[in-house]
Amino acid sequence: MSKVSKTDWKRFAKQDDIDTGDMPELGEDFFRCAELHVPVKQAVTTRLDADVLDRFKGQGAGYILCSCS
């Protein structure tokens, strides 16, 4: 991954208080038959006020700006 993760991994690791007792264990059969389904992304076009666009730009890289007509 080329982008830096914004996930708070320390906070995520501290979630020991979550009760997972009612969740079944996932065995080898589950992972042998599992399939990954990635949803298709769809391009959209929208018009934004200048201050909204400035807000996106101010958060750093990661927004996409295309001035196609």
PDB file of N, CA and C in Angstrom:
ATOM      1  N   MET A   1       0.829  -1.175   0.000  1.00  0.00           N
ATOM      2  CA  MET A   1       0.000   0.000   0.000  1.00  0.00           C
ATOM      3  C   MET A   1       0.874   1.239   0.000  1.00  0.00           C
ATOM      4  N   SER A   2       0.541   2.162  -0.849  1.00  0.00           N
ATOM      5  CA  SER A   2       1.353   3.371  -0.935  1.00  0.00           C
ATOM      6  C   SER A   2       0.877   4.465   0.021  1.00  0.00           C
ATOM      7  N   LYS A   3      -0.376   4.353   0.512  1.00  0.00           N
ATOM      8  CA  LYS A   3      -0.894   5.377   1.412  1.00  0.00           C
ATOM      9  C   LYS A   3      -0.655   4.971   2.859  1.00  0.00           C
ATOM     10  N   VAL A   4      -0.453   5.952   3.699  1.00  0.00           N
ATOM     11  CA  VAL A   4      -0.268   5.711   5.123  1.00  0.00           C
ATOM     12  C   VAL A   4      -1.641   5.455   5.748  1.00  0.00           C
ATOM     13  N   SER A   5      -1.744   4.410   6.540  1.00  0.00           N
ATOM     14  CA  SER A   5      -3.006   4.056   7.183  1.00  0.00           C
ATOM     15  C   SER A   5      -3.359   5.076   8.260  1.00  0.00           C
ATOM     16  N   LYS A   6      -4.635   5.446   8.328  1.00  0.00           N
ATOM     17  CA  LYS A   6      -5.110   6.350   9.364  1.00  0.00           C
ATOM     18  C   LYS A   6      -5.774   5.576  10.507  1.00  0.00           C
ATOM     19  N   THR A   7      -5.646   4.241  10.471  1.00  0.00           N
ATOM     20  CA  THR A   7      -6.240   3.400  11.507  1.00  0.00           C
ATOM     21  C   THR A   7      -5.465   3.529  12.803  1.00  0.00           C
ATOM     22  N   ASP A   8      -6.171   3.675  13.894  1.00  0.00           N
ATOM     23  CA  ASP A   8      -5.556   3.727  15.215  1.00  0.00           C
ATOM     24  C   ASP A   8      -5.354   2.292  15.685  1.00  0.00           C
ATOM     25  N   TRP A   9      -4.254   1.655  15.271  1.00  0.00           N
ATOM     26  CA  TRP A   9      -4.012   0.239  15.528  1.00  0.00           C
ATOM     27  C   TRP A   9      -3.872  -0.057  17.021  1.00  0.00           C
ATOM     28  N   LYS A  10      -3.366   0.879  17.807  1.00  0.00           N
ATOM     29  CA  LYS A  10      -3.254   0.651  19.254  1.00  0.00           C
ATOM     30  C   LYS A  10      -4.642   0.526  19.872  1.00  0.00           C
ATOM     31  N   ARG A  11      -5.550   1.395  19.477  1.00  0.00           N
ATOM     32  CA  ARG A  11      -6.921   1.331  19.987  1.00  0.00           C
ATOM     33  C   ARG A  11      -7.606   0.053  19.516  1.00  0.00           C
ATOM     34  N   PHE A  12      -7.365  -0.326  18.287  1.00  0.00           N
ATOM     35  CA  PHE A  12      -7.963  -1.531  17.725  1.00  0.00           C
ATOM     36  C   PHE A  12      -7.505  -2.774  18.485  1.00  0.00           C
ATOM     37  N   ALA A  13      -6.238  -2.821  18.868  1.00  0.00           N
ATOM     38  CA  ALA A  13      -5.675  -3.977  19.570  1.00  0.00           C
ATOM     39  C   ALA A  13      -6.219  -4.111  20.988  1.00  0.00           C
ATOM     40  N   LYS A  14      -6.768  -3.050  21.560  1.00  0.00           N
ATOM     41  CA  LYS A  14      -7.255  -3.057  22.943  1.00  0.00           C
ATOM     42  C   LYS A  14      -8.698  -3.533  23.065  1.00  0.00           C
ATOM     43  N   GLN A  15      -9.279  -4.074  22.040  1.00  0.00           N
ATOM     44  CA  GLN A  15     -10.688  -4.446  22.077  1.00  0.00           C
ATOM     45  C   GLN A  15     -10.886  -5.853  22.643  1.00  0.00           C
ATOM     46  N   ASP A  16     -10.228  -6.147  23.765  1.00  0.00           N
ATOM     47  CA  ASP A  16     -10.359  -7.444  24.411  1.00  0.00           C
ATOM     48  C   ASP A  16     -11.688  -7.584  25.134  1.00  0.00           C
ATOM     49  N   ASP A  17     -12.387  -6.486  25.392  1.00  0.00           N
ATOM     50  CA  ASP A  17     -13.627  -6.537  26.139  1.00  0.00           C
ATOM     51  C   ASP A  17     -14.837  -6.906  25.272  1.00  0.00           C
ATOM     52  N   ILE A  18     -14.626  -7.172  23.987  1.00  0.00           N
ATOM     53  CA  ILE A  18     -15.713  -7.569  23.105  1.00  0.00           C
ATOM     54  C   ILE A  18     -16.012  -9.049  23.326  1.00  0.00           C
ATOM     55  N   ASP A  19     -17.267  -9.386  23.620  1.00  0.00           N
ATOM     56  CA  ASP A  19     -17.674 -10.763  23.862  1.00  0.00           C
ATOM     57  C   ASP A  19     -17.889 -11.466  22.527  1.00  0.00           C
ATOM     58  N   THR A  20     -17.025 -12.415  22.204  1.00  0.00           N
ATOM     59  CA  THR A  20     -17.147 -13.175  20.961  1.00  0.00           C
ATOM     60  C   THR A  20     -17.605 -14.600  21.232  1.00  0.00           C
ATOM     61  N   GLY A  21     -18.158 -14.838  22.428  1.00  0.00           N
ATOM     62  CA  GLY A  21     -18.568 -16.174  22.824  1.00  0.00           C
ATOM     63  C   GLY A  21     -19.654 -16.786  21.956  1.00  0.00           C
ATOM     64  N   ASP A  22     -20.503 -15.949  21.341  1.00  0.00           N
ATOM     65  CA  ASP A  22     -21.591 -16.476  20.519  1.00  0.00           C
ATOM     66  C   ASP A  22     -21.201 -16.612  19.043  1.00  0.00           C
ATOM     67  N   MET A  23     -19.939 -16.361  18.736  1.00  0.00           N
ATOM     68  CA  MET A  23     -19.459 -16.473  17.359  1.00  0.00           C
ATOM     69  C   MET A  23     -18.796 -17.833  17.154  1.00  0.00           C
ATOM     70  N   PRO A  24     -19.219 -18.584  16.134  1.00  0.00           N
ATOM     71  CA  PRO A  24     -18.586 -19.885  15.901  1.00  0.00           C
ATOM     72  C   PRO A  24     -17.159 -19.717  15.376  1.00  0.00           C
ATOM     73  N   GLU A  25     -16.303 -20.682  15.683  1.00  0.00           N
ATOM     74  CA  GLU A  25     -14.945 -20.679  15.144  1.00  0.00           C
ATOM     75  C   GLU A  25     -15.010 -20.948  13.641  1.00  0.00           C
ATOM     76  N   LEU A  26     -14.167 -20.310  12.881  1.00  0.00           N
ATOM     77  CA  LEU A  26     -14.108 -20.539  11.439  1.00  0.00           C
ATOM     78  C   LEU A  26     -12.992 -21.528  11.160  1.00  0.00           C
ATOM     79  N   GLY A  27     -13.364 -22.711  10.748  1.00  0.00           N
ATOM     80  CA  GLY A  27     -12.392 -23.778  10.521  1.00  0.00           C
ATOM     81  C   GLY A  27     -11.814 -23.767   9.124  1.00  0.00           C
ATOM     82  N   GLU A  28     -11.038 -24.806   8.824  1.00  0.00           N
ATOM     83  CA  GLU A  28     -10.372 -24.920   7.520  1.00  0.00           C
ATOM     84  C   GLU A  28     -11.372 -24.987   6.376  1.00  0.00           C
ATOM     85  N   ASP A  29     -12.516 -25.652   6.591  1.00  0.00           N
ATOM     86  CA  ASP A  29     -13.530 -25.755   5.534  1.00  0.00           C
ATOM     87  C   ASP A  29     -14.018 -24.385   5.099  1.00  0.00           C
ATOM     88  N   PHE A  30     -14.237 -23.504   6.076  1.00  0.00           N
ATOM     89  CA  PHE A  30     -14.702 -22.155   5.755  1.00  0.00           C
ATOM     90  C   PHE A  30     -13.693 -21.444   4.850  1.00  0.00           C
ATOM     91  N   PHE A  31     -12.430 -21.459   5.235  1.00  0.00           N
ATOM     92  CA  PHE A  31     -11.419 -20.719   4.475  1.00  0.00           C
ATOM     93  C   PHE A  31     -11.098 -21.385   3.146  1.00  0.00           C
ATOM     94  N   ARG A  32     -11.283 -22.695   3.053  1.00  0.00           N
ATOM     95  CA  ARG A  32     -11.036 -23.395   1.791  1.00  0.00           C
ATOM     96  C   ARG A  32     -12.103 -23.000   0.764  1.00  0.00           C
ATOM     97  N   CYS A  33     -13.327 -22.766   1.224  1.00  0.00           N
ATOM     98  CA  CYS A  33     -14.436 -22.448   0.315  1.00  0.00           C
ATOM     99  C   CYS A  33     -14.716 -20.950   0.196  1.00  0.00           C
ATOM    100  N   ALA A  34     -14.059 -20.143   0.995  1.00  0.00           N
ATOM    101  CA  ALA A  34     -14.340 -18.706   1.006  1.00  0.00           C
ATOM    102  C   ALA A  34     -13.947 -18.055  -0.316  1.00  0.00           C
ATOM    103  N   GLU A  35     -14.729 -17.070  -0.717  1.00  0.00           N
ATOM    104  CA  GLU A  35     -14.447 -16.300  -1.929  1.00  0.00           C
ATOM    105  C   GLU A  35     -14.466 -14.821  -1.585  1.00  0.00           C
ATOM    106  N   LEU A  36     -13.583 -14.074  -2.190  1.00  0.00           N
ATOM    107  CA  LEU A  36     -13.531 -12.633  -1.986  1.00  0.00           C
ATOM    108  C   LEU A  36     -14.324 -11.963  -3.099  1.00  0.00           C
ATOM    109  N   HIS A  37     -15.298 -11.159  -2.726  1.00  0.00           N
ATOM    110  CA  HIS A  37     -16.104 -10.413  -3.695  1.00  0.00           C
ATOM    111  C   HIS A  37     -15.864  -8.927  -3.446  1.00  0.00           C
ATOM    112  N   VAL A  38     -15.125  -8.292  -4.334  1.00  0.00           N
ATOM    113  CA  VAL A  38     -14.824  -6.869  -4.213  1.00  0.00           C
ATOM    114  C   VAL A  38     -15.860  -6.099  -5.033  1.00  0.00           C
ATOM    115  N   PRO A  39     -16.585  -5.188  -4.406  1.00  0.00           N
ATOM    116  CA  PRO A  39     -17.598  -4.441  -5.167  1.00  0.00           C
ATOM    117  C   PRO A  39     -16.945  -3.563  -6.228  1.00  0.00           C
ATOM    118  N   VAL A  40     -17.636  -3.447  -7.343  1.00  0.00           N
ATOM    119  CA  VAL A  40     -17.143  -2.620  -8.444  1.00  0.00           C
ATOM    120  C   VAL A  40     -17.363  -1.160  -8.082  1.00  0.00           C
ATOM    121  N   LYS A  41     -16.336  -0.354  -8.281  1.00  0.00           N
ATOM    122  CA  LYS A  41     -16.465   1.083  -8.018  1.00  0.00           C
ATOM    123  C   LYS A  41     -17.008   1.752  -9.268  1.00  0.00           C
ATOM    124  N   GLN A  42     -17.779   2.788  -9.038  1.00  0.00           N
ATOM    125  CA  GLN A  42     -18.412   3.485 -10.132  1.00  0.00           C
ATOM    126  C   GLN A  42     -18.021   4.957 -10.087  1.00  0.00           C
ATOM    127  N   ALA A  43     -17.625   5.492 -11.226  1.00  0.00           N
ATOM    128  CA  ALA A  43     -17.251   6.901 -11.304  1.00  0.00           C
ATOM    129  C   ALA A  43     -18.503   7.769 -11.284  1.00  0.00           C
ATOM    130  N   VAL A  44     -18.430   8.864 -10.537  1.00  0.00           N
ATOM    131  CA  VAL A  44     -19.529   9.819 -10.494  1.00  0.00           C
ATOM    132  C   VAL A  44     -18.962  11.225 -10.644  1.00  0.00           C
ATOM    133  N   THR A  45     -19.808  12.135 -11.053  1.00  0.00           N
ATOM    134  CA  THR A  45     -19.416  13.533 -11.193  1.00  0.00           C
ATOM    135  C   THR A  45     -20.333  14.371 -10.315  1.00  0.00           C
ATOM    136  N   THR A  46     -19.746  15.322  -9.618  1.00  0.00           N
ATOM    137  CA  THR A  46     -20.551  16.211  -8.791  1.00  0.00           C
ATOM    138  C   THR A  46     -19.916  17.594  -8.785  1.00  0.00           C
ATOM    139  N   ARG A  47     -20.710  18.577  -8.476  1.00  0.00           N
ATOM    140  CA  ARG A  47     -20.216  19.949  -8.393  1.00  0.00           C
ATOM    141  C   ARG A  47     -20.195  20.339  -6.922  1.00  0.00           C
ATOM    142  N   LEU A  48     -19.101  20.936  -6.492  1.00  0.00           N
ATOM    143  CA  LEU A  48     -18.921  21.322  -5.097  1.00  0.00           C
ATOM    144  C   LEU A  48     -18.669  22.812  -4.982  1.00  0.00           C
ATOM    145  N   ASP A  49     -19.110  23.380  -3.875  1.00  0.00           N
ATOM    146  CA  ASP A  49     -18.749  24.763  -3.580  1.00  0.00           C
ATOM    147  C   ASP A  49     -17.241  24.829  -3.359  1.00  0.00           C
ATOM    148  N   ALA A  50     -16.667  25.980  -3.629  1.00  0.00           N
ATOM    149  CA  ALA A  50     -15.219  26.146  -3.506  1.00  0.00           C
ATOM    150  C   ALA A  50     -14.730  25.839  -2.092  1.00  0.00           C
ATOM    151  N   ASP A  51     -15.482  26.220  -1.054  1.00  0.00           N
ATOM    152  CA  ASP A  51     -15.032  25.977   0.310  1.00  0.00           C
ATOM    153  C   ASP A  51     -15.040  24.485   0.643  1.00  0.00           C
ATOM    154  N   VAL A  52     -15.966  23.740   0.064  1.00  0.00           N
ATOM    155  CA  VAL A  52     -15.999  22.287   0.289  1.00  0.00           C
ATOM    156  C   VAL A  52     -14.783  21.643  -0.367  1.00  0.00           C
ATOM    157  N   LEU A  53     -14.487  22.043  -1.593  1.00  0.00           N
ATOM    158  CA  LEU A  53     -13.320  21.514  -2.290  1.00  0.00           C
ATOM    159  C   LEU A  53     -12.034  21.865  -1.552  1.00  0.00           C
ATOM    160  N   ASP A  54     -11.940  23.076  -1.047  1.00  0.00           N
ATOM    161  CA  ASP A  54     -10.765  23.478  -0.266  1.00  0.00           C
ATOM    162  C   ASP A  54     -10.599  22.593   0.965  1.00  0.00           C
ATOM    163  N   ARG A  55     -11.723  22.234   1.574  1.00  0.00           N
ATOM    164  CA  ARG A  55     -11.677  21.360   2.758  1.00  0.00           C
ATOM    165  C   ARG A  55     -11.079  19.996   2.393  1.00  0.00           C
ATOM    166  N   PHE A  56     -11.522  19.412   1.268  1.00  0.00           N
ATOM    167  CA  PHE A  56     -10.953  18.140   0.817  1.00  0.00           C
ATOM    168  C   PHE A  56      -9.462  18.281   0.541  1.00  0.00           C
ATOM    169  N   LYS A  57      -9.089  19.317  -0.180  1.00  0.00           N
ATOM    170  CA  LYS A  57      -7.684  19.533  -0.517  1.00  0.00           C
ATOM    171  C   LYS A  57      -6.841  19.734   0.735  1.00  0.00           C
ATOM    172  N   GLY A  58      -7.397  20.387   1.738  1.00  0.00           N
ATOM    173  CA  GLY A  58      -6.672  20.651   2.978  1.00  0.00           C
ATOM    174  C   GLY A  58      -6.378  19.397   3.785  1.00  0.00           C
ATOM    175  N   GLN A  59      -7.076  18.305   3.506  1.00  0.00           N
ATOM    176  CA  GLN A  59      -6.837  17.058   4.225  1.00  0.00           C
ATOM    177  C   GLN A  59      -5.702  16.252   3.607  1.00  0.00           C
ATOM    178  N   GLY A  60      -5.078  16.763   2.560  1.00  0.00           N
ATOM    179  CA  GLY A  60      -3.919  16.110   1.974  1.00  0.00           C
ATOM    180  C   GLY A  60      -4.271  15.253   0.775  1.00  0.00           C
ATOM    181  N   ALA A  61      -3.297  14.481   0.342  1.00  0.00           N
ATOM    182  CA  ALA A  61      -3.465  13.634  -0.831  1.00  0.00           C
ATOM    183  C   ALA A  61      -4.568  12.618  -0.596  1.00  0.00           C
ATOM    184  N   GLY A  62      -5.220  12.197  -1.678  1.00  0.00           N
ATOM    185  CA  GLY A  62      -6.240  11.179  -1.549  1.00  0.00           C
ATOM    186  C   GLY A  62      -7.557  11.565  -2.206  1.00  0.00           C
ATOM    187  N   TYR A  63      -7.755  12.841  -2.505  1.00  0.00           N
ATOM    188  CA  TYR A  63      -8.946  13.224  -3.230  1.00  0.00           C
ATOM    189  C   TYR A  63      -8.589  13.223  -4.717  1.00  0.00           C
ATOM    190  N   ILE A  64      -9.569  13.049  -5.550  1.00  0.00           N
ATOM    191  CA  ILE A  64      -9.331  13.014  -6.990  1.00  0.00           C
ATOM    192  C   ILE A  64     -10.051  14.203  -7.620  1.00  0.00           C
ATOM    193  N   LEU A  65      -9.342  14.954  -8.396  1.00  0.00           N
ATOM    194  CA  LEU A  65      -9.929  16.124  -9.056  1.00  0.00           C
ATOM    195  C   LEU A  65      -9.671  16.003 -10.545  1.00  0.00           C
ATOM    196  N   CYS A  66     -10.731  15.977 -11.304  1.00  0.00           N
ATOM    197  CA  CYS A  66     -10.609  15.906 -12.759  1.00  0.00           C
ATOM    198  C   CYS A  66     -11.504  16.971 -13.349  1.00  0.00           C
ATOM    199  N   SER A  67     -10.963  17.844 -14.125  1.00  0.00           N
ATOM    200  CA  SER A  67     -11.772  18.904 -14.744  1.00  0.00           C
ATOM    201  C   SER A  67     -12.055  18.544 -16.192  1.00  0.00           C
ATOM    202  N   CYS A  68     -12.660  17.375 -16.374  1.00  0.00           N
ATOM    203  CA  CYS A  68     -13.007  16.901 -17.715  1.00  0.00           C
ATOM    204  C   CYS A  68     -14.367  17.471 -18.125  1.00  0.00           C
ATOM    205  N   SER A  69     -14.515  17.832 -19.381  1.00  0.00           N
ATOM    206  CA  SER A  69     -15.802  18.355 -19.856  1.00  0.00           C
ATOM    207  C   SER A  69     -16.348  17.467 -20.925  1.00  0.00           C
TER     208      SER A  69
END
